[in-house]
Protein backbone atom coordinates (compact mmCIF):
# COMPACT_ATOMS: atom_id res chain seq x y z
CA MET A 1 2.67 15.52 -8.01
CA LEU A 2 6.18 15.61 -6.26
CA ALA A 3 8.87 16.50 -8.58
CA THR A 4 11.62 15.16 -6.22
CA ALA A 5 13.81 12.10 -6.87
CA THR A 6 15.73 9.67 -4.66
CA LYS A 7 19.43 9.19 -4.89
CA THR A 8 19.08 6.66 -7.43
CA GLY A 9 17.05 8.84 -9.68
CA ARG A 10 13.75 7.33 -9.20
CA SER A 11 10.82 9.55 -8.68
CA VAL A 12 9.13 9.72 -5.31
CA ASP A 13 5.66 10.13 -6.58
CA LYS A 14 5.71 6.61 -8.07
CA PHE A 15 6.95 5.00 -4.76
CA LEU A 16 4.10 6.95 -2.93
CA LEU A 17 1.48 5.71 -5.31
CA TYR A 18 2.68 2.16 -5.42
CA HIS A 19 2.97 1.99 -1.60
CA PHE A 20 -0.30 3.66 -0.92
CA LEU A 21 -2.13 1.16 -3.32
CA LEU A 22 -0.11 -1.80 -1.49
CA VAL A 23 -0.98 -0.61 1.96
CA THR A 24 -4.55 -0.05 1.12
CA GLY A 25 -4.79 -3.46 -0.30
CA ILE A 26 -3.26 -5.18 2.64
CA ALA A 27 -5.35 -3.03 5.09
CA LEU A 28 -8.41 -4.31 3.26
CA LEU A 29 -7.44 -7.93 3.56
CA VAL A 30 -6.44 -7.54 7.27
CA THR A 31 -9.07 -5.21 8.78
CA PRO A 32 -12.02 -7.81 8.60
CA LEU A 33 -9.90 -10.27 10.57
CA ILE A 34 -9.19 -7.81 13.23
CA THR A 35 -12.63 -6.46 14.01
CA GLN A 36 -16.28 -7.49 13.45
CA ASP A 37 -17.62 -3.90 13.76
CA LYS A 38 -17.56 -2.23 10.14
CA THR A 39 -17.47 1.22 11.53
CA LEU A 40 -14.54 0.58 13.64
CA GLY A 41 -12.74 -1.23 10.99
CA LEU A 42 -13.31 1.71 8.48
CA THR A 43 -12.09 4.27 11.09
CA LEU A 44 -9.03 2.14 11.83
CA LEU A 45 -8.34 1.79 8.06
CA VAL A 46 -8.55 5.46 7.42
CA SER A 47 -6.76 6.68 10.44
CA LEU A 48 -3.62 4.44 9.72
CA GLN A 49 -3.55 4.83 6.13
CA ILE A 50 -1.13 7.82 5.78
CA ALA A 51 1.11 6.66 8.72
CA LEU A 52 1.57 3.18 7.11
CA THR A 53 2.05 4.44 3.58
CA CYS A 54 4.76 6.99 4.74
CA ILE A 55 6.37 4.18 6.74
CA SER A 56 6.23 1.75 3.77
CA THR A 57 7.47 4.31 1.33
CA LEU A 58 10.53 5.27 3.42
CA ILE A 59 11.53 1.66 3.96
CA GLY A 60 11.12 0.97 0.21
CA ILE A 61 13.34 3.92 -0.74
CA ASN A 62 15.86 3.05 1.91
CA MET A 63 16.09 -0.51 0.76
CA GLY A 64 16.60 0.53 -2.78
CA GLN A 65 13.31 -0.98 -4.10
CA ARG A 66 12.69 -0.91 -7.84
CA LEU A 67 9.20 -0.69 -9.31
CA ASP A 68 9.71 -3.37 -11.81
CA ARG A 69 7.52 -6.09 -13.22
CA ARG A 70 7.81 -8.13 -9.79
CA ALA A 71 6.49 -5.23 -7.82
CA ALA A 72 3.56 -4.72 -10.29
CA THR A 73 2.74 -8.40 -10.20
CA LEU A 74 2.72 -8.25 -6.33
CA LEU A 75 0.45 -5.16 -6.34
CA PHE A 76 -2.04 -6.85 -8.95
CA SER A 77 -2.08 -10.05 -6.92
CA VAL A 78 -2.84 -8.26 -3.73
CA TRP A 79 -5.79 -6.45 -5.30
CA MET A 80 -7.12 -9.58 -6.89
CA LEU A 81 -6.91 -11.26 -3.53
CA VAL A 82 -8.97 -8.23 -2.08
CA TRP A 83 -11.35 -8.66 -4.84
CA LEU A 84 -11.73 -12.31 -4.21
CA VAL A 85 -12.14 -11.94 -0.44
CA HIS A 86 -14.72 -9.34 -0.50
CA LEU A 87 -16.63 -11.07 -3.25
CA ILE A 88 -17.03 -14.28 -1.12
């Protein structure tokens, strides 16, 4: 894992993990709406995952985001929505 920290003392590895899971959840919600071809959708998801995670992490660090209870609730609700959408 990364041993670096931001200016505020928060570890970057937690930001990367949080934003990776958040971007993945949002991408799983949006990808079926964009394309009907499952192979193209999966290729699009995989190819954009790293770039979108890096951008999202940098924006979160720049804004001074904190990984508190509200952030955990947002992440949990996104993944519950992913579960519900793909279940139906």
